[in-house]
Amino acid sequence: MTSETLRPAALLFDLDGTLADSFAAIRDALNAGLREHGLGERDLAWVKTHVGRGAPVLVRDAVGHESDEGLQRSVGERFGARYREIYLDQTPPLPGAGDVLAFVAARVGRRVAVISNKYEELSRAWLARWGLAPHVSVVVGPETYGVRKPDPGALVPVLEDFGVSPADALLVGDMQVDVAAARAAGVPMLAVQSDPAAAEALRVAGAVDVLPAVAEVPAWLVRHGVGWR
């Protein structure tokens, strides 16, 4: 089946919170940095509402926007060091994530990408650690093209490489930054979000639909895609 008879013809996935159960490891690493500097720790609920825009923004939010840049940098360095120690083993795939990637990869060939605001090297290592790398042909982080979501420049070069127009692709993500990136690039966005309030906010922001779990993506594609049956 060619891309002309399959829509979406390319699948772009966010990583943290979409494919990866990332929040506990991020919380633990962030709190290691905050504790070391005598700062109050952040709970899991706080982390879930502040991740997605990259580690520097997360640390700045945790430390405080008015805090000294040197303090932010020092907390960020400790956070990054601790996160690299624990994230591979303490960040399992969300239920069904591997099956979802295998399902879409078998149908769209090489046109599967992971586009994250996590560094590309970390995303690649995570995909390899959990056996998911064979299903993904392109991995993008902020250092790949020099931009972070919601900048459409994180998505557009991937689609150009795939030879797929934005309207014929689909971004699967879990946060507002994913909706904004998709909208800016002209790509439809399918949200994965189990929290009812967050799900409604994603729908209002422009997600074409919201699913409670990534494991439901294949069934959604069969129902709503073209040529997916």
C-alpha atoms as a PDB file:
ATOM      1  CA  MET A   1       0.000   0.000   0.000  1.00  0.00           C
ATOM      2  CA  THR A   2       1.387   3.409  -0.961  1.00  0.00           C
ATOM      3  CA  SER A   3       1.168   6.686   0.902  1.00  0.00           C
ATOM      4  CA  GLU A   4      -1.405   7.846  -1.673  1.00  0.00           C
ATOM      5  CA  THR A   5      -3.867   5.201  -0.438  1.00  0.00           C
ATOM      6  CA  LEU A   6      -3.090   5.384   3.285  1.00  0.00           C
ATOM      7  CA  ARG A   7      -3.971   8.258   5.583  1.00  0.00           C
ATOM      8  CA  PRO A   8      -2.331   9.026   7.894  1.00  0.00           C
ATOM      9  CA  ALA A   9       0.701   7.974   5.896  1.00  0.00           C
ATOM     10  CA  ALA A  10       3.182   8.939   8.638  1.00  0.00           C
ATOM     11  CA  LEU A  11       2.928   8.711  12.420  1.00  0.00           C
ATOM     12  CA  LEU A  12       4.812  11.099  14.715  1.00  0.00           C
ATOM     13  CA  PHE A  13       4.859  10.268  18.425  1.00  0.00           C
ATOM     14  CA  ASP A  14       5.718  12.309  21.464  1.00  0.00           C
ATOM     15  CA  LEU A  15       7.695  10.287  24.025  1.00  0.00           C
ATOM     16  CA  ASP A  16       7.155  11.299  27.667  1.00  0.00           C
ATOM     17  CA  GLY A  17       3.596  10.588  28.736  1.00  0.00           C
ATOM     18  CA  THR A  18       2.660   9.218  25.313  1.00  0.00           C
ATOM     19  CA  LEU A  19       4.892   6.177  24.851  1.00  0.00           C
ATOM     20  CA  ALA A  20       6.892   6.331  28.085  1.00  0.00           C
ATOM     21  CA  ASP A  21       5.773   6.316  31.711  1.00  0.00           C
ATOM     22  CA  SER A  22       8.263   9.069  32.457  1.00  0.00           C
ATOM     23  CA  PHE A  23       6.960  11.192  35.281  1.00  0.00           C
ATOM     24  CA  ALA A  24       8.205   9.317  38.361  1.00  0.00           C
ATOM     25  CA  ALA A  25      11.815   9.277  37.168  1.00  0.00           C
ATOM     26  CA  ILE A  26      11.641  12.961  36.235  1.00  0.00           C
ATOM     27  CA  ARG A  27      10.200  13.797  39.664  1.00  0.00           C
ATOM     28  CA  ASP A  28      12.869  11.830  41.501  1.00  0.00           C
ATOM     29  CA  ALA A  29      15.720  13.413  39.537  1.00  0.00           C
ATOM     30  CA  LEU A  30      14.274  16.913  39.883  1.00  0.00           C
ATOM     31  CA  ASN A  31      13.817  16.499  43.621  1.00  0.00           C
ATOM     32  CA  ALA A  32      17.423  15.327  43.962  1.00  0.00           C
ATOM     33  CA  GLY A  33      18.512  18.663  42.551  1.00  0.00           C
ATOM     34  CA  LEU A  34      16.071  20.662  44.665  1.00  0.00           C
ATOM     35  CA  ARG A  35      17.023  18.875  47.904  1.00  0.00           C
ATOM     36  CA  GLU A  36      20.711  19.411  47.299  1.00  0.00           C
ATOM     37  CA  HIS A  37      20.091  23.154  47.198  1.00  0.00           C
ATOM     38  CA  GLY A  38      17.703  23.294  50.152  1.00  0.00           C
ATOM     39  CA  LEU A  39      14.633  23.883  48.008  1.00  0.00           C
ATOM     40  CA  GLY A  40      11.173  22.417  48.405  1.00  0.00           C
ATOM     41  CA  GLU A  41      10.420  19.240  46.487  1.00  0.00           C
ATOM     42  CA  ARG A  42       7.713  18.849  43.846  1.00  0.00           C
ATOM     43  CA  ASP A  43       5.130  16.081  43.795  1.00  0.00           C
ATOM     44  CA  LEU A  44       4.091  13.916  40.869  1.00  0.00           C
ATOM     45  CA  ALA A  45       0.994  15.964  40.089  1.00  0.00           C
ATOM     46  CA  TRP A  46       3.094  19.122  39.795  1.00  0.00           C
ATOM     47  CA  VAL A  47       5.591  17.404  37.504  1.00  0.00           C
ATOM     48  CA  LYS A  48       2.839  16.102  35.222  1.00  0.00           C
ATOM     49  CA  THR A  49       1.572  19.632  34.633  1.00  0.00           C
ATOM     50  CA  HIS A  50       5.011  21.172  34.042  1.00  0.00           C
ATOM     51  CA  VAL A  51       6.877  18.714  31.832  1.00  0.00           C
ATOM     52  CA  GLY A  52       6.861  18.812  28.054  1.00  0.00           C
ATOM     53  CA  ARG A  53       8.747  22.021  27.270  1.00  0.00           C
ATOM     54  CA  GLY A  54      12.223  20.704  28.001  1.00  0.00           C
ATOM     55  CA  ALA A  55      14.392  20.293  31.092  1.00  0.00           C
ATOM     56  CA  PRO A  56      15.552  23.945  31.363  1.00  0.00           C
ATOM     57  CA  VAL A  57      11.962  25.199  31.557  1.00  0.00           C
ATOM     58  CA  LEU A  58      11.000  22.482  34.036  1.00  0.00           C
ATOM     59  CA  VAL A  59      13.891  23.413  36.331  1.00  0.00           C
ATOM     60  CA  ARG A  60      13.149  27.114  36.031  1.00  0.00           C
ATOM     61  CA  ASP A  61       9.522  26.499  36.993  1.00  0.00           C
ATOM     62  CA  ALA A  62      10.573  24.347  39.952  1.00  0.00           C
ATOM     63  CA  VAL A  63      13.186  26.771  41.273  1.00  0.00           C
ATOM     64  CA  GLY A  64      11.215  29.922  40.487  1.00  0.00           C
ATOM     65  CA  HIS A  65      11.398  32.285  37.551  1.00  0.00           C
ATOM     66  CA  GLU A  66      12.822  35.087  39.683  1.00  0.00           C
ATOM     67  CA  SER A  67      15.612  32.935  41.116  1.00  0.00           C
ATOM     68  CA  ASP A  68      19.274  33.411  40.337  1.00  0.00           C
ATOM     69  CA  GLU A  69      20.319  31.923  36.985  1.00  0.00           C
ATOM     70  CA  GLY A  70      23.307  30.303  38.647  1.00  0.00           C
ATOM     71  CA  LEU A  71      20.992  28.465  41.039  1.00  0.00           C
ATOM     72  CA  GLN A  72      18.807  27.320  38.171  1.00  0.00           C
ATOM     73  CA  ARG A  73      21.862  26.082  36.317  1.00  0.00           C
ATOM     74  CA  SER A  74      23.211  24.239  39.344  1.00  0.00           C
ATOM     75  CA  VAL A  75      19.874  22.534  40.063  1.00  0.00           C
ATOM     76  CA  GLY A  76      19.596  21.676  36.380  1.00  0.00           C
ATOM     77  CA  GLU A  77      23.020  20.070  36.340  1.00  0.00           C
ATOM     78  CA  ARG A  78      22.187  17.897  39.349  1.00  0.00           C
ATOM     79  CA  PHE A  79      18.811  17.022  37.858  1.00  0.00           C
ATOM     80  CA  GLY A  80      20.414  16.039  34.551  1.00  0.00           C
ATOM     81  CA  ALA A  81      23.114  13.936  36.173  1.00  0.00           C
ATOM     82  CA  ARG A  82      20.651  12.048  38.369  1.00  0.00           C
ATOM     83  CA  TYR A  83      18.169  11.595  35.528  1.00  0.00           C
ATOM     84  CA  ARG A  84      20.786   9.986  33.317  1.00  0.00           C
ATOM     85  CA  GLU A  85      21.532   7.533  36.128  1.00  0.00           C
ATOM     86  CA  ILE A  86      17.956   6.335  36.558  1.00  0.00           C
ATOM     87  CA  TYR A  87      15.785   7.098  33.529  1.00  0.00           C
ATOM     88  CA  LEU A  88      16.433   3.991  31.424  1.00  0.00           C
ATOM     89  CA  ASP A  89      15.438   1.472  34.068  1.00  0.00           C
ATOM     90  CA  GLN A  90      12.846   3.631  35.821  1.00  0.00           C
ATOM     91  CA  THR A  91      10.953   4.744  32.720  1.00  0.00           C
ATOM     92  CA  PRO A  92       8.953   1.779  31.425  1.00  0.00           C
ATOM     93  CA  PRO A  93       6.859   1.947  28.270  1.00  0.00           C
ATOM     94  CA  LEU A  94       3.210   2.687  28.839  1.00  0.00           C
ATOM     95  CA  PRO A  95       0.991  -0.389  28.414  1.00  0.00           C
ATOM     96  CA  GLY A  96       0.657  -1.292  24.745  1.00  0.00           C
ATOM     97  CA  ALA A  97       3.226   1.230  23.493  1.00  0.00           C
ATOM     98  CA  GLY A  98       5.400  -1.408  21.840  1.00  0.00           C
ATOM     99  CA  ASP A  99       2.428  -3.038  20.139  1.00  0.00           C
ATOM    100  CA  VAL A 100       1.241   0.336  18.863  1.00  0.00           C
ATOM    101  CA  LEU A 101       4.619   1.126  17.297  1.00  0.00           C
ATOM    102  CA  ALA A 102       4.819  -2.340  15.743  1.00  0.00           C
ATOM    103  CA  PHE A 103       1.292  -1.979  14.348  1.00  0.00           C
ATOM    104  CA  VAL A 104       1.890   1.370  12.670  1.00  0.00           C
ATOM    105  CA  ALA A 105       5.414   0.541  11.499  1.00  0.00           C
ATOM    106  CA  ALA A 106       4.133  -2.525   9.665  1.00  0.00           C
ATOM    107  CA  ARG A 107       1.725  -0.347   7.718  1.00  0.00           C
ATOM    108  CA  VAL A 108       3.617   2.877   7.019  1.00  0.00           C
ATOM    109  CA  GLY A 109       7.099   1.400   6.628  1.00  0.00           C
ATOM    110  CA  ARG A 110       9.835   3.823   7.602  1.00  0.00           C
ATOM    111  CA  ARG A 111       7.489   6.742   8.228  1.00  0.00           C
ATOM    112  CA  VAL A 112       7.398   6.499  12.037  1.00  0.00           C
ATOM    113  CA  ALA A 113       9.129   9.129  14.165  1.00  0.00           C
ATOM    114  CA  VAL A 114       9.518  10.047  17.806  1.00  0.00           C
ATOM    115  CA  ILE A 115       9.605  13.820  18.302  1.00  0.00           C
ATOM    116  CA  SER A 116      10.356  14.875  21.862  1.00  0.00           C
ATOM    117  CA  ASN A 117      11.660  17.818  23.832  1.00  0.00           C
ATOM    118  CA  LYS A 118      13.905  15.283  25.561  1.00  0.00           C
ATOM    119  CA  TYR A 119      17.391  15.167  24.046  1.00  0.00           C
ATOM    120  CA  GLU A 120      17.618  12.923  21.009  1.00  0.00           C
ATOM    121  CA  GLU A 121      20.385  10.798  22.524  1.00  0.00           C
ATOM    122  CA  LEU A 122      18.246  10.061  25.591  1.00  0.00           C
ATOM    123  CA  SER A 123      15.214   9.165  23.486  1.00  0.00           C
ATOM    124  CA  ARG A 124      17.287   6.858  21.290  1.00  0.00           C
ATOM    125  CA  ALA A 125      18.765   5.139  24.330  1.00  0.00           C
ATOM    126  CA  TRP A 126      15.309   4.657  25.835  1.00  0.00           C
ATOM    127  CA  LEU A 127      13.882   3.168  22.634  1.00  0.00           C
ATOM    128  CA  ALA A 128      16.826   0.774  22.451  1.00  0.00           C
ATOM    129  CA  ARG A 129      16.580  -0.168  26.144  1.00  0.00           C
ATOM    130  CA  TRP A 130      12.968  -1.257  25.790  1.00  0.00           C
ATOM    131  CA  GLY A 131      13.267  -2.888  22.369  1.00  0.00           C
ATOM    132  CA  LEU A 132      11.243  -0.275  20.496  1.00  0.00           C
ATOM    133  CA  ALA A 133      13.965   1.176  18.267  1.00  0.00           C
ATOM    134  CA  PRO A 134      13.318  -1.171  15.293  1.00  0.00           C
ATOM    135  CA  HIS A 135       9.852   0.366  14.858  1.00  0.00           C
ATOM    136  CA  VAL A 136      11.072   3.986  14.681  1.00  0.00           C
ATOM    137  CA  SER A 137      13.102   5.381  11.803  1.00  0.00           C
ATOM    138  CA  VAL A 138      13.564   8.996  12.962  1.00  0.00           C
ATOM    139  CA  VAL A 139      14.166  10.385  16.452  1.00  0.00           C
ATOM    140  CA  VAL A 140      14.094  14.133  17.039  1.00  0.00           C
ATOM    141  CA  GLY A 141      15.133  16.103  20.108  1.00  0.00           C
ATOM    142  CA  PRO A 142      15.856  19.800  20.648  1.00  0.00           C
ATOM    143  CA  GLU A 143      19.428  19.376  19.440  1.00  0.00           C
ATOM    144  CA  THR A 144      18.396  17.685  16.178  1.00  0.00           C
ATOM    145  CA  TYR A 145      17.149  20.791  14.370  1.00  0.00           C
ATOM    146  CA  GLY A 146      17.900  23.394  17.041  1.00  0.00           C
ATOM    147  CA  VAL A 147      14.269  23.902  18.079  1.00  0.00           C
ATOM    148  CA  ARG A 148      11.795  22.497  20.580  1.00  0.00           C
ATOM    149  CA  LYS A 149       8.079  21.894  20.276  1.00  0.00           C
ATOM    150  CA  PRO A 150       5.879  23.893  19.847  1.00  0.00           C
ATOM    151  CA  ASP A 151       8.141  25.192  17.075  1.00  0.00           C
ATOM    152  CA  PRO A 152       6.922  23.511  13.867  1.00  0.00           C
ATOM    153  CA  GLY A 153      10.573  23.164  12.854  1.00  0.00           C
ATOM    154  CA  ALA A 154      10.694  20.067  15.036  1.00  0.00           C
ATOM    155  CA  LEU A 155       8.132  18.361  12.762  1.00  0.00           C
ATOM    156  CA  VAL A 156       8.436  19.788   9.258  1.00  0.00           C
ATOM    157  CA  PRO A 157      11.895  18.376   8.349  1.00  0.00           C
ATOM    158  CA  VAL A 158      10.716  14.892   9.310  1.00  0.00           C
ATOM    159  CA  LEU A 159       7.720  15.117   7.006  1.00  0.00           C
ATOM    160  CA  GLU A 160       9.903  16.441   4.205  1.00  0.00           C
ATOM    161  CA  ASP A 161      12.208  13.455   4.665  1.00  0.00           C
ATOM    162  CA  PHE A 162       9.214  11.103   4.643  1.00  0.00           C
ATOM    163  CA  GLY A 163       7.765  12.766   1.547  1.00  0.00           C
ATOM    164  CA  VAL A 164       4.425  13.183   3.319  1.00  0.00           C
ATOM    165  CA  SER A 165       2.386  16.377   3.444  1.00  0.00           C
ATOM    166  CA  PRO A 166       1.428  17.706   6.892  1.00  0.00           C
ATOM    167  CA  ALA A 167      -2.248  16.986   6.300  1.00  0.00           C
ATOM    168  CA  ASP A 168      -1.425  13.339   5.563  1.00  0.00           C
ATOM    169  CA  ALA A 169       0.463  12.804   8.828  1.00  0.00           C
ATOM    170  CA  LEU A 170      -0.674  12.410  12.436  1.00  0.00           C
ATOM    171  CA  LEU A 171       1.035  13.513  15.638  1.00  0.00           C
ATOM    172  CA  VAL A 172       0.179  11.518  18.758  1.00  0.00           C
ATOM    173  CA  GLY A 173       0.895  13.349  22.001  1.00  0.00           C
ATOM    174  CA  ASP A 174      -0.380  14.099  25.478  1.00  0.00           C
ATOM    175  CA  MET A 175       0.204  17.799  26.141  1.00  0.00           C
ATOM    176  CA  GLN A 176      -0.679  21.298  24.998  1.00  0.00           C
ATOM    177  CA  VAL A 177       2.797  21.714  23.528  1.00  0.00           C
ATOM    178  CA  ASP A 178       2.033  18.823  21.156  1.00  0.00           C
ATOM    179  CA  VAL A 179      -1.228  20.395  20.026  1.00  0.00           C
ATOM    180  CA  ALA A 180       0.528  23.711  19.450  1.00  0.00           C
ATOM    181  CA  ALA A 181       3.357  22.125  17.471  1.00  0.00           C
ATOM    182  CA  ALA A 182       0.960  20.141  15.329  1.00  0.00           C
ATOM    183  CA  ARG A 183      -1.246  23.162  14.656  1.00  0.00           C
ATOM    184  CA  ALA A 184       1.751  25.283  13.700  1.00  0.00           C
ATOM    185  CA  ALA A 185       2.955  22.606  11.270  1.00  0.00           C
ATOM    186  CA  GLY A 186      -0.499  21.887   9.837  1.00  0.00           C
ATOM    187  CA  VAL A 187      -0.507  18.320  11.171  1.00  0.00           C
ATOM    188  CA  PRO A 188      -3.597  16.710  12.741  1.00  0.00           C
ATOM    189  CA  MET A 189      -2.999  15.797  16.383  1.00  0.00           C
ATOM    190  CA  LEU A 190      -4.451  12.826  18.269  1.00  0.00           C
ATOM    191  CA  ALA A 191      -4.220  13.226  22.037  1.00  0.00           C
ATOM    192  CA  VAL A 192      -3.617  10.507  24.625  1.00  0.00           C
ATOM    193  CA  GLN A 193      -4.723  11.689  28.051  1.00  0.00           C
ATOM    194  CA  SER A 194      -6.492   9.888  30.906  1.00  0.00           C
ATOM    195  CA  ASP A 195      -7.138  12.962  33.065  1.00  0.00           C
ATOM    196  CA  PRO A 196     -10.639  14.255  32.169  1.00  0.00           C
ATOM    197  CA  ALA A 197      -9.847  17.946  32.659  1.00  0.00           C
ATOM    198  CA  ALA A 198      -6.604  17.761  30.698  1.00  0.00           C
ATOM    199  CA  ALA A 199      -8.334  15.728  27.992  1.00  0.00           C
ATOM    200  CA  GLU A 200     -11.014  18.372  27.568  1.00  0.00           C
ATOM    201  CA  ALA A 201      -8.391  21.110  27.399  1.00  0.00           C
ATOM    202  CA  LEU A 202      -6.568  19.234  24.644  1.00  0.00           C
ATOM    203  CA  ARG A 203      -9.800  18.807  22.725  1.00  0.00           C
ATOM    204  CA  VAL A 204     -10.579  22.513  23.031  1.00  0.00           C
ATOM    205  CA  ALA A 205      -7.014  23.336  21.914  1.00  0.00           C
ATOM    206  CA  GLY A 206      -7.562  21.466  18.650  1.00  0.00           C
ATOM    207  CA  ALA A 207      -6.875  17.754  19.070  1.00  0.00           C
ATOM    208  CA  VAL A 208      -8.907  15.787  16.533  1.00  0.00           C
ATOM    209  CA  ASP A 209      -9.758  13.280  19.268  1.00  0.00           C
ATOM    210  CA  VAL A 210      -8.632  12.270  22.755  1.00  0.00           C
ATOM    211  CA  LEU A 211      -8.001   8.679  23.800  1.00  0.00           C
ATOM    212  CA  PRO A 212      -7.525   7.527  27.405  1.00  0.00           C
ATOM    213  CA  ALA A 213      -4.551   5.300  26.550  1.00  0.00           C
ATOM    214  CA  VAL A 214      -1.990   4.916  23.769  1.00  0.00           C
ATOM    215  CA  ALA A 215      -2.991   1.267  23.423  1.00  0.00           C
ATOM    216  CA  GLU A 216      -6.204   2.472  21.773  1.00  0.00           C
ATOM    217  CA  VAL A 217      -4.413   4.156  18.863  1.00  0.00           C
ATOM    218  CA  PRO A 218      -4.553   1.148  16.455  1.00  0.00           C
ATOM    219  CA  ALA A 219      -8.315   0.728  16.889  1.00  0.00           C
ATOM    220  CA  TRP A 220      -8.773   4.475  16.368  1.00  0.00           C
ATOM    221  CA  LEU A 221      -6.755   4.325  13.143  1.00  0.00           C
ATOM    222  CA  VAL A 222      -8.856   1.431  11.878  1.00  0.00           C
ATOM    223  CA  ARG A 223     -12.036   3.404  12.595  1.00  0.00           C
ATOM    224  CA  HIS A 224     -10.915   6.819  11.388  1.00  0.00           C
ATOM    225  CA  GLY A 225      -7.993   6.326   8.999  1.00  0.00           C
ATOM    226  CA  VAL A 226      -8.074   5.771   5.267  1.00  0.00           C
ATOM    227  CA  GLY A 227      -6.813   2.361   4.169  1.00  0.00           C
ATOM    228  CA  TRP A 228      -6.098   1.131   7.708  1.00  0.00           C
ATOM    229  CA  ARG A 229      -8.608  -1.736   7.759  1.00  0.00           C
END
